[in-house]
């Protein structure tokens, strides 16, 4: 089975109408093995990055203004994930932003474009660890995944951590 651990970083908040994706990271997993094949792109969000978001990932408009637009990387990204089971921590957040970007290009929603299914690791974690914190950092600590190299969030760094967490969390399923 082919799976893709996916993460995005954004210009801020929950509003995909107001905010934009500024980085996408994907890690391929085949038959429960991380293959080393990744997709990663920084993206020109065509707007300033909110202060709260800067504190999370460290990106500024100056750092991103010469990056490709989402429209420029969209086909390569969709091709990379097409047909896979997509593994996302808090899927509604990332899917909202991906759908927003695709809508701006007059394309179909992400699941239709990528012909994929989605697994939300936050939902899995909440079932396994009901009533406990289940953010990615806590899950890394809980499952013994080293995150010491990660001072700030980054889409590819977080997708790599997510792939390891997902495999550990579903090890006996």
N, C-alpha and C. Protein backbone atom coordinates (compact mmCIF):
# COMPACT_ATOMS: atom_id res chain seq x y z
N UNK A 1 0.83 -1.18 0.00
CA UNK A 1 0.00 0.00 0.00
C UNK A 1 0.88 1.24 0.00
N UNK A 2 0.52 2.22 -0.82
CA UNK A 2 1.26 3.48 -0.90
C UNK A 2 0.53 4.54 -0.08
N UNK A 3 1.27 5.14 0.85
CA UNK A 3 0.75 6.20 1.68
C UNK A 3 1.68 7.40 1.58
N UNK A 4 1.13 8.57 1.83
CA UNK A 4 1.92 9.80 1.83
C UNK A 4 1.61 10.55 3.12
N UNK A 5 2.62 10.77 3.95
CA UNK A 5 2.48 11.67 5.10
C UNK A 5 2.63 13.08 4.56
N UNK A 6 1.66 13.94 4.87
CA UNK A 6 1.61 15.27 4.28
C UNK A 6 1.46 16.32 5.36
N UNK A 7 2.16 17.43 5.18
CA UNK A 7 2.01 18.57 6.07
C UNK A 7 2.12 19.85 5.27
N UNK A 8 1.46 20.89 5.75
CA UNK A 8 1.58 22.22 5.15
C UNK A 8 1.94 23.22 6.25
N UNK A 9 2.54 24.30 5.82
CA UNK A 9 2.69 25.48 6.68
C UNK A 9 1.95 26.60 5.96
N UNK A 10 1.37 27.51 6.74
CA UNK A 10 0.52 28.55 6.17
C UNK A 10 0.88 29.93 6.69
N UNK A 11 0.25 30.92 6.09
CA UNK A 11 0.49 32.31 6.51
C UNK A 11 -0.22 32.64 7.81
N UNK A 12 -1.06 31.72 8.31
CA UNK A 12 -1.71 31.94 9.60
C UNK A 12 -3.07 31.30 9.68
N UNK A 13 -3.60 31.32 10.88
CA UNK A 13 -4.97 30.97 11.21
C UNK A 13 -5.64 29.80 10.54
N UNK A 14 -6.94 29.75 10.73
CA UNK A 14 -7.76 28.68 10.20
C UNK A 14 -8.49 29.06 8.94
N UNK A 15 -8.43 30.31 8.54
CA UNK A 15 -9.22 30.76 7.41
C UNK A 15 -8.48 30.55 6.10
N UNK A 16 -8.86 29.50 5.37
CA UNK A 16 -8.25 29.25 4.07
C UNK A 16 -8.66 30.31 3.05
N UNK A 17 -9.73 31.05 3.34
CA UNK A 17 -10.13 32.14 2.45
C UNK A 17 -9.18 33.32 2.59
N UNK A 18 -8.70 33.55 3.81
CA UNK A 18 -7.83 34.70 4.08
C UNK A 18 -6.34 34.33 3.97
N UNK A 19 -5.99 33.14 4.44
CA UNK A 19 -4.58 32.75 4.50
C UNK A 19 -4.22 31.78 3.38
N UNK A 20 -2.93 31.58 3.20
CA UNK A 20 -2.43 30.77 2.08
C UNK A 20 -1.40 29.75 2.56
N UNK A 21 -1.20 28.73 1.76
CA UNK A 21 -0.13 27.76 2.00
C UNK A 21 1.19 28.40 1.58
N UNK A 22 2.22 28.21 2.39
CA UNK A 22 3.54 28.70 2.03
C UNK A 22 4.59 27.59 1.94
N UNK A 23 4.21 26.37 2.34
CA UNK A 23 5.13 25.24 2.23
C UNK A 23 4.32 23.94 2.28
N UNK A 24 4.71 22.99 1.43
CA UNK A 24 4.13 21.65 1.43
C UNK A 24 5.26 20.64 1.55
N UNK A 25 5.06 19.64 2.41
CA UNK A 25 6.02 18.55 2.53
C UNK A 25 5.29 17.22 2.52
N UNK A 26 5.81 16.27 1.76
CA UNK A 26 5.21 14.93 1.64
C UNK A 26 6.30 13.87 1.74
N UNK A 27 5.98 12.80 2.46
CA UNK A 27 6.91 11.68 2.65
C UNK A 27 6.20 10.41 2.22
N UNK A 28 6.82 9.67 1.31
CA UNK A 28 6.22 8.44 0.80
C UNK A 28 6.49 7.26 1.73
N UNK A 29 5.43 6.48 1.94
CA UNK A 29 5.50 5.24 2.72
C UNK A 29 4.92 4.14 1.84
N UNK A 30 5.67 3.08 1.63
CA UNK A 30 5.14 1.94 0.87
C UNK A 30 5.28 0.70 1.74
N UNK A 31 4.16 0.02 1.91
CA UNK A 31 4.12 -1.20 2.73
C UNK A 31 4.79 -0.99 4.08
N UNK A 32 4.42 0.14 4.73
CA UNK A 32 4.87 0.50 6.08
C UNK A 32 6.37 0.78 6.16
N UNK A 33 6.97 1.14 5.04
CA UNK A 33 8.38 1.51 5.01
C UNK A 33 8.52 2.90 4.40
N UNK A 34 9.20 3.78 5.11
CA UNK A 34 9.48 5.12 4.58
C UNK A 34 10.53 4.96 3.50
N UNK A 35 10.17 5.37 2.26
CA UNK A 35 11.02 5.08 1.10
C UNK A 35 12.17 6.06 0.91
N UNK A 36 12.07 7.25 1.48
CA UNK A 36 13.07 8.29 1.22
C UNK A 36 12.68 9.17 0.05
N UNK A 37 11.60 8.84 -0.62
CA UNK A 37 11.10 9.66 -1.72
C UNK A 37 10.14 10.70 -1.14
N UNK A 38 10.43 11.97 -1.40
CA UNK A 38 9.68 13.07 -0.82
C UNK A 38 9.27 14.07 -1.89
N UNK A 39 8.28 14.86 -1.56
CA UNK A 39 7.95 16.06 -2.33
C UNK A 39 8.02 17.22 -1.34
N UNK A 40 8.68 18.30 -1.75
CA UNK A 40 8.79 19.46 -0.88
C UNK A 40 8.86 20.71 -1.73
N UNK A 41 8.11 21.72 -1.33
CA UNK A 41 8.19 23.00 -2.01
C UNK A 41 7.82 24.12 -1.06
N UNK A 42 8.63 25.17 -1.08
CA UNK A 42 8.22 26.43 -0.49
C UNK A 42 7.39 27.13 -1.56
N UNK A 43 6.44 27.96 -1.13
CA UNK A 43 5.49 28.57 -2.05
C UNK A 43 5.36 30.06 -1.74
N UNK A 44 5.32 30.86 -2.77
CA UNK A 44 5.04 32.28 -2.62
C UNK A 44 3.56 32.42 -2.26
N UNK A 45 3.25 32.85 -1.04
CA UNK A 45 1.85 32.92 -0.62
C UNK A 45 1.12 34.18 -1.11
N UNK A 46 1.83 35.05 -1.78
CA UNK A 46 1.25 36.28 -2.32
C UNK A 46 0.63 37.16 -1.25
N UNK A 47 1.16 37.09 -0.04
CA UNK A 47 0.70 37.94 1.06
C UNK A 47 1.71 37.84 2.20
N UNK A 48 1.61 38.76 3.13
CA UNK A 48 2.44 38.74 4.33
C UNK A 48 2.10 37.55 5.21
N UNK A 49 3.04 37.16 6.03
CA UNK A 49 2.85 36.07 6.98
C UNK A 49 2.49 36.69 8.33
N UNK A 50 1.42 36.20 8.96
CA UNK A 50 1.01 36.71 10.27
C UNK A 50 2.10 36.44 11.32
N UNK A 51 2.18 37.32 12.29
CA UNK A 51 3.18 37.20 13.35
C UNK A 51 3.08 35.87 14.09
N UNK A 52 1.87 35.44 14.42
CA UNK A 52 1.69 34.17 15.12
C UNK A 52 2.26 33.00 14.32
N UNK A 53 2.03 33.02 13.02
CA UNK A 53 2.54 31.96 12.15
C UNK A 53 4.06 32.01 12.07
N UNK A 54 4.62 33.20 11.98
CA UNK A 54 6.09 33.35 11.95
C UNK A 54 6.73 32.70 13.17
N UNK A 55 6.08 32.82 14.32
CA UNK A 55 6.61 32.23 15.55
C UNK A 55 6.62 30.70 15.48
N UNK A 56 5.73 30.13 14.70
CA UNK A 56 5.64 28.67 14.58
C UNK A 56 6.67 28.13 13.60
N UNK A 57 6.76 28.73 12.40
CA UNK A 57 7.64 28.17 11.37
C UNK A 57 8.80 29.05 10.96
N UNK A 58 8.80 30.31 11.32
CA UNK A 58 9.92 31.18 11.05
C UNK A 58 9.96 31.81 9.67
N UNK A 59 8.99 31.52 8.81
CA UNK A 59 9.00 32.07 7.46
C UNK A 59 8.48 33.50 7.43
N UNK A 60 9.10 34.32 6.60
CA UNK A 60 8.66 35.68 6.37
C UNK A 60 8.38 35.86 4.88
N UNK A 61 7.67 36.92 4.55
CA UNK A 61 7.39 37.24 3.16
C UNK A 61 8.70 37.38 2.37
N UNK A 62 9.69 38.02 2.96
CA UNK A 62 10.99 38.20 2.29
C UNK A 62 11.61 36.87 1.90
N UNK A 63 11.46 35.87 2.75
CA UNK A 63 12.04 34.55 2.50
C UNK A 63 11.30 33.80 1.39
N UNK A 64 10.05 34.14 1.15
CA UNK A 64 9.20 33.37 0.24
C UNK A 64 8.86 34.05 -1.07
N UNK A 65 9.10 35.35 -1.18
CA UNK A 65 8.60 36.10 -2.33
C UNK A 65 9.15 35.61 -3.67
N UNK A 66 10.31 34.97 -3.69
CA UNK A 66 10.87 34.46 -4.95
C UNK A 66 10.58 32.98 -5.17
N UNK A 67 9.79 32.38 -4.29
CA UNK A 67 9.39 30.97 -4.43
C UNK A 67 8.31 30.86 -5.50
N UNK A 68 8.12 29.65 -6.04
CA UNK A 68 7.05 29.48 -7.04
C UNK A 68 5.67 29.66 -6.42
N UNK A 69 4.72 30.02 -7.24
CA UNK A 69 3.33 30.10 -6.82
C UNK A 69 2.76 28.69 -6.69
N UNK A 70 1.67 28.54 -5.94
CA UNK A 70 1.02 27.24 -5.84
C UNK A 70 0.66 26.72 -7.23
N UNK A 71 0.19 27.59 -8.10
CA UNK A 71 -0.17 27.20 -9.47
C UNK A 71 1.02 26.56 -10.20
N UNK A 72 2.23 27.01 -9.88
CA UNK A 72 3.43 26.50 -10.55
C UNK A 72 3.82 25.10 -10.09
N UNK A 73 3.47 24.74 -8.87
CA UNK A 73 3.86 23.42 -8.34
C UNK A 73 2.68 22.45 -8.24
N UNK A 74 1.50 22.93 -8.51
CA UNK A 74 0.28 22.16 -8.28
C UNK A 74 0.29 20.81 -9.00
N UNK A 75 0.57 20.80 -10.29
CA UNK A 75 0.50 19.55 -11.05
C UNK A 75 1.53 18.53 -10.56
N UNK A 76 2.74 18.99 -10.25
CA UNK A 76 3.78 18.08 -9.73
C UNK A 76 3.37 17.51 -8.37
N UNK A 77 2.82 18.36 -7.53
CA UNK A 77 2.36 17.94 -6.21
C UNK A 77 1.23 16.91 -6.34
N UNK A 78 0.21 17.22 -7.12
CA UNK A 78 -0.92 16.30 -7.29
C UNK A 78 -0.43 14.98 -7.89
N UNK A 79 0.47 15.04 -8.83
CA UNK A 79 1.03 13.82 -9.42
C UNK A 79 1.74 12.96 -8.37
N UNK A 80 2.46 13.60 -7.46
CA UNK A 80 3.19 12.87 -6.43
C UNK A 80 2.24 12.13 -5.48
N UNK A 81 1.14 12.74 -5.12
CA UNK A 81 0.23 12.15 -4.14
C UNK A 81 -0.88 11.30 -4.76
N UNK A 82 -1.07 11.41 -6.06
CA UNK A 82 -2.22 10.77 -6.73
C UNK A 82 -2.32 9.28 -6.40
N UNK A 83 -3.52 8.89 -5.99
CA UNK A 83 -3.84 7.49 -5.76
C UNK A 83 -3.41 6.94 -4.41
N UNK A 84 -2.71 7.73 -3.63
CA UNK A 84 -2.19 7.24 -2.34
C UNK A 84 -3.23 7.46 -1.24
N UNK A 85 -2.98 6.80 -0.12
CA UNK A 85 -3.71 7.12 1.11
C UNK A 85 -2.90 8.22 1.78
N UNK A 86 -3.53 9.37 2.01
CA UNK A 86 -2.82 10.54 2.54
C UNK A 86 -2.98 10.56 4.06
N UNK A 87 -1.86 10.64 4.77
CA UNK A 87 -1.83 10.63 6.22
C UNK A 87 -1.55 12.07 6.67
N UNK A 88 -2.50 12.64 7.42
CA UNK A 88 -2.39 14.04 7.84
C UNK A 88 -2.74 14.15 9.32
N UNK A 89 -1.96 14.92 10.06
CA UNK A 89 -2.28 15.25 11.45
C UNK A 89 -3.22 16.45 11.44
N UNK A 90 -4.45 16.25 11.91
CA UNK A 90 -5.49 17.27 11.90
C UNK A 90 -5.85 17.61 10.45
N UNK A 91 -6.39 16.62 9.77
CA UNK A 91 -6.65 16.69 8.32
C UNK A 91 -7.53 17.86 7.92
N UNK A 92 -8.50 18.24 8.74
CA UNK A 92 -9.40 19.32 8.33
C UNK A 92 -8.65 20.62 8.08
N UNK A 93 -7.59 20.86 8.83
CA UNK A 93 -6.79 22.07 8.65
C UNK A 93 -6.11 22.06 7.28
N UNK A 94 -5.30 21.03 7.02
CA UNK A 94 -4.54 20.98 5.76
C UNK A 94 -5.47 20.86 4.56
N UNK A 95 -6.51 20.05 4.67
CA UNK A 95 -7.45 19.90 3.55
C UNK A 95 -8.16 21.22 3.25
N UNK A 96 -8.49 21.97 4.27
CA UNK A 96 -9.10 23.27 4.05
C UNK A 96 -8.21 24.19 3.23
N UNK A 97 -6.94 24.21 3.56
CA UNK A 97 -6.00 25.06 2.83
C UNK A 97 -5.73 24.52 1.42
N UNK A 98 -5.57 23.20 1.28
CA UNK A 98 -5.36 22.62 -0.05
C UNK A 98 -6.57 22.89 -0.94
N UNK A 99 -7.76 22.69 -0.40
CA UNK A 99 -8.97 22.96 -1.18
C UNK A 99 -9.08 24.43 -1.55
N UNK A 100 -8.68 25.31 -0.64
CA UNK A 100 -8.69 26.74 -0.94
C UNK A 100 -7.76 27.10 -2.09
N UNK A 101 -6.56 26.53 -2.07
CA UNK A 101 -5.60 26.80 -3.15
C UNK A 101 -6.12 26.25 -4.48
N UNK A 102 -6.67 25.04 -4.46
CA UNK A 102 -7.21 24.45 -5.69
C UNK A 102 -8.41 25.23 -6.20
N UNK A 103 -9.24 25.70 -5.30
CA UNK A 103 -10.41 26.50 -5.70
C UNK A 103 -9.97 27.78 -6.40
N UNK A 104 -8.91 28.42 -5.92
CA UNK A 104 -8.40 29.64 -6.56
C UNK A 104 -7.97 29.37 -8.00
N UNK A 105 -7.63 28.11 -8.30
CA UNK A 105 -7.21 27.72 -9.65
C UNK A 105 -8.36 27.12 -10.45
N UNK A 106 -9.57 27.20 -9.90
CA UNK A 106 -10.76 26.63 -10.54
C UNK A 106 -10.61 25.13 -10.79
N UNK A 107 -10.02 24.45 -9.80
CA UNK A 107 -9.86 23.00 -9.88
C UNK A 107 -10.76 22.35 -8.85
N UNK A 108 -10.84 21.03 -8.93
CA UNK A 108 -11.68 20.27 -8.01
C UNK A 108 -11.03 20.23 -6.63
N UNK A 109 -11.78 19.68 -5.65
CA UNK A 109 -11.22 19.56 -4.31
C UNK A 109 -10.05 18.58 -4.30
N UNK A 110 -9.25 18.62 -3.26
CA UNK A 110 -8.01 17.84 -3.19
C UNK A 110 -8.24 16.34 -3.35
N UNK A 111 -9.21 15.80 -2.64
CA UNK A 111 -9.44 14.34 -2.70
C UNK A 111 -9.82 13.92 -4.11
N UNK A 112 -10.62 14.71 -4.79
CA UNK A 112 -11.00 14.40 -6.17
C UNK A 112 -9.82 14.56 -7.12
N UNK A 113 -9.09 15.68 -7.01
CA UNK A 113 -7.92 15.93 -7.87
C UNK A 113 -6.87 14.83 -7.72
N UNK A 114 -6.60 14.46 -6.46
CA UNK A 114 -5.53 13.49 -6.18
C UNK A 114 -6.02 12.05 -6.23
N UNK A 115 -7.32 11.85 -6.37
CA UNK A 115 -7.89 10.49 -6.40
C UNK A 115 -7.35 9.68 -5.22
N UNK A 116 -7.53 10.24 -4.04
CA UNK A 116 -6.93 9.66 -2.84
C UNK A 116 -7.95 9.51 -1.73
N UNK A 117 -7.52 8.86 -0.67
CA UNK A 117 -8.26 8.81 0.58
C UNK A 117 -7.39 9.48 1.64
N UNK A 118 -8.00 9.84 2.76
CA UNK A 118 -7.27 10.55 3.81
C UNK A 118 -7.45 9.84 5.14
N UNK A 119 -6.35 9.71 5.87
CA UNK A 119 -6.35 9.21 7.24
C UNK A 119 -5.93 10.36 8.14
N UNK A 120 -6.74 10.66 9.14
CA UNK A 120 -6.43 11.74 10.08
C UNK A 120 -5.81 11.13 11.33
N UNK A 121 -4.52 11.36 11.53
CA UNK A 121 -3.83 10.79 12.69
C UNK A 121 -4.31 11.40 14.00
N UNK A 122 -4.85 12.62 13.96
CA UNK A 122 -5.40 13.21 15.18
C UNK A 122 -6.60 12.39 15.66
N UNK A 123 -7.44 11.96 14.74
CA UNK A 123 -8.58 11.12 15.11
C UNK A 123 -8.12 9.79 15.70
N UNK A 124 -7.12 9.19 15.08
CA UNK A 124 -6.58 7.93 15.60
C UNK A 124 -6.03 8.14 17.01
N UNK A 125 -5.24 9.20 17.16
CA UNK A 125 -4.62 9.49 18.47
C UNK A 125 -5.68 9.74 19.54
N UNK A 126 -6.75 10.43 19.19
CA UNK A 126 -7.81 10.71 20.16
C UNK A 126 -8.52 9.43 20.61
N UNK A 127 -8.63 8.45 19.71
CA UNK A 127 -9.21 7.17 20.09
C UNK A 127 -8.26 6.38 20.99
N UNK A 128 -6.97 6.41 20.65
CA UNK A 128 -5.98 5.67 21.43
C UNK A 128 -5.66 6.33 22.76
N UNK A 129 -5.70 7.65 22.80
CA UNK A 129 -5.25 8.41 23.97
C UNK A 129 -6.31 9.45 24.33
N UNK A 130 -7.52 8.98 24.55
CA UNK A 130 -8.67 9.85 24.82
C UNK A 130 -8.40 10.76 26.01
N UNK A 131 -8.70 12.03 25.81
CA UNK A 131 -8.58 13.00 26.89
C UNK A 131 -7.17 13.50 27.15
N UNK A 132 -6.21 13.02 26.36
CA UNK A 132 -4.82 13.46 26.53
C UNK A 132 -4.44 14.39 25.38
N UNK A 133 -3.37 15.17 25.54
CA UNK A 133 -2.90 15.98 24.41
C UNK A 133 -2.45 15.07 23.27
N UNK A 134 -2.76 15.45 22.04
CA UNK A 134 -2.42 14.62 20.88
C UNK A 134 -1.84 15.43 19.73
N UNK A 135 -1.17 16.54 20.06
CA UNK A 135 -0.47 17.29 19.03
C UNK A 135 0.76 16.51 18.60
N UNK A 136 1.38 16.89 17.49
CA UNK A 136 2.50 16.14 16.92
C UNK A 136 3.68 16.04 17.89
N UNK A 137 4.00 17.12 18.59
CA UNK A 137 5.11 17.07 19.55
C UNK A 137 4.85 16.04 20.65
N UNK A 138 3.65 16.06 21.19
CA UNK A 138 3.29 15.11 22.25
C UNK A 138 3.33 13.67 21.72
N UNK A 139 2.82 13.47 20.51
CA UNK A 139 2.85 12.12 19.92
C UNK A 139 4.28 11.65 19.69
N UNK A 140 5.14 12.55 19.24
CA UNK A 140 6.56 12.18 19.07
C UNK A 140 7.15 11.73 20.41
N UNK A 141 6.90 12.49 21.45
CA UNK A 141 7.41 12.13 22.78
C UNK A 141 6.81 10.81 23.24
N UNK A 142 5.52 10.64 23.05
CA UNK A 142 4.82 9.44 23.51
C UNK A 142 5.36 8.18 22.82
N UNK A 143 5.69 8.30 21.53
CA UNK A 143 6.15 7.13 20.77
C UNK A 143 7.66 7.08 20.58
N UNK A 144 8.39 7.92 21.29
CA UNK A 144 9.85 7.86 21.27
C UNK A 144 10.47 8.30 19.95
N UNK A 145 9.84 9.23 19.26
CA UNK A 145 10.36 9.75 17.99
C UNK A 145 11.20 10.99 18.30
N UNK A 146 12.46 10.97 17.89
CA UNK A 146 13.38 12.07 18.16
C UNK A 146 12.99 13.30 17.33
N UNK A 147 12.70 14.39 18.00
CA UNK A 147 12.38 15.64 17.32
C UNK A 147 13.35 16.75 17.73
N UNK A 148 14.49 16.37 18.27
CA UNK A 148 15.44 17.35 18.79
C UNK A 148 16.01 18.26 17.69
N UNK A 149 15.99 17.80 16.44
CA UNK A 149 16.51 18.59 15.32
C UNK A 149 15.52 19.67 14.87
N UNK A 150 14.34 19.69 15.42
CA UNK A 150 13.26 20.57 14.96
C UNK A 150 13.05 21.69 15.97
N UNK A 151 13.64 22.84 15.67
CA UNK A 151 13.43 24.01 16.53
C UNK A 151 12.14 24.73 16.15
N UNK A 152 11.88 24.83 14.84
CA UNK A 152 10.66 25.44 14.32
C UNK A 152 9.94 24.41 13.46
N UNK A 153 8.66 24.60 13.25
CA UNK A 153 7.91 23.71 12.36
C UNK A 153 8.38 23.93 10.92
N UNK A 154 8.28 22.89 10.14
CA UNK A 154 8.54 22.95 8.71
C UNK A 154 7.76 21.81 8.08
N UNK A 155 7.21 22.02 6.90
CA UNK A 155 6.32 21.02 6.30
C UNK A 155 7.02 19.68 6.08
N UNK A 156 8.21 19.68 5.54
CA UNK A 156 8.89 18.41 5.29
C UNK A 156 9.38 17.79 6.60
N UNK A 157 9.92 18.60 7.50
CA UNK A 157 10.34 18.07 8.82
C UNK A 157 9.15 17.43 9.53
N UNK A 158 8.03 18.14 9.52
CA UNK A 158 6.84 17.63 10.22
C UNK A 158 6.25 16.41 9.53
N UNK A 159 6.29 16.36 8.20
CA UNK A 159 5.81 15.18 7.48
C UNK A 159 6.68 13.96 7.79
N UNK A 160 7.97 14.17 7.94
CA UNK A 160 8.87 13.06 8.31
C UNK A 160 8.56 12.56 9.72
N UNK A 161 8.34 13.48 10.64
CA UNK A 161 7.96 13.09 12.00
C UNK A 161 6.61 12.39 12.00
N UNK A 162 5.67 12.93 11.25
CA UNK A 162 4.33 12.35 11.17
C UNK A 162 4.38 10.92 10.62
N UNK A 163 5.19 10.69 9.61
CA UNK A 163 5.31 9.34 9.05
C UNK A 163 5.77 8.36 10.13
N UNK A 164 6.75 8.76 10.92
CA UNK A 164 7.25 7.89 11.99
C UNK A 164 6.21 7.67 13.08
N UNK A 165 5.52 8.75 13.45
CA UNK A 165 4.48 8.65 14.47
C UNK A 165 3.37 7.74 13.99
N UNK A 166 2.92 7.93 12.76
CA UNK A 166 1.84 7.11 12.21
C UNK A 166 2.22 5.63 12.23
N UNK A 167 3.41 5.31 11.79
CA UNK A 167 3.85 3.91 11.78
C UNK A 167 3.91 3.34 13.20
N UNK A 168 4.39 4.12 14.15
CA UNK A 168 4.45 3.66 15.55
C UNK A 168 3.05 3.51 16.13
N UNK A 169 2.18 4.46 15.84
CA UNK A 169 0.84 4.48 16.41
C UNK A 169 -0.03 3.34 15.86
N UNK A 170 0.25 2.90 14.65
CA UNK A 170 -0.56 1.86 14.01
C UNK A 170 0.21 0.54 13.89
N UNK A 171 1.25 0.39 14.66
CA UNK A 171 2.15 -0.77 14.54
C UNK A 171 1.45 -2.11 14.70
N UNK A 172 0.46 -2.18 15.56
CA UNK A 172 -0.18 -3.47 15.81
C UNK A 172 -1.57 -3.56 15.18
N UNK A 173 -1.82 -2.75 14.18
CA UNK A 173 -3.12 -2.82 13.51
C UNK A 173 -3.03 -3.65 12.25
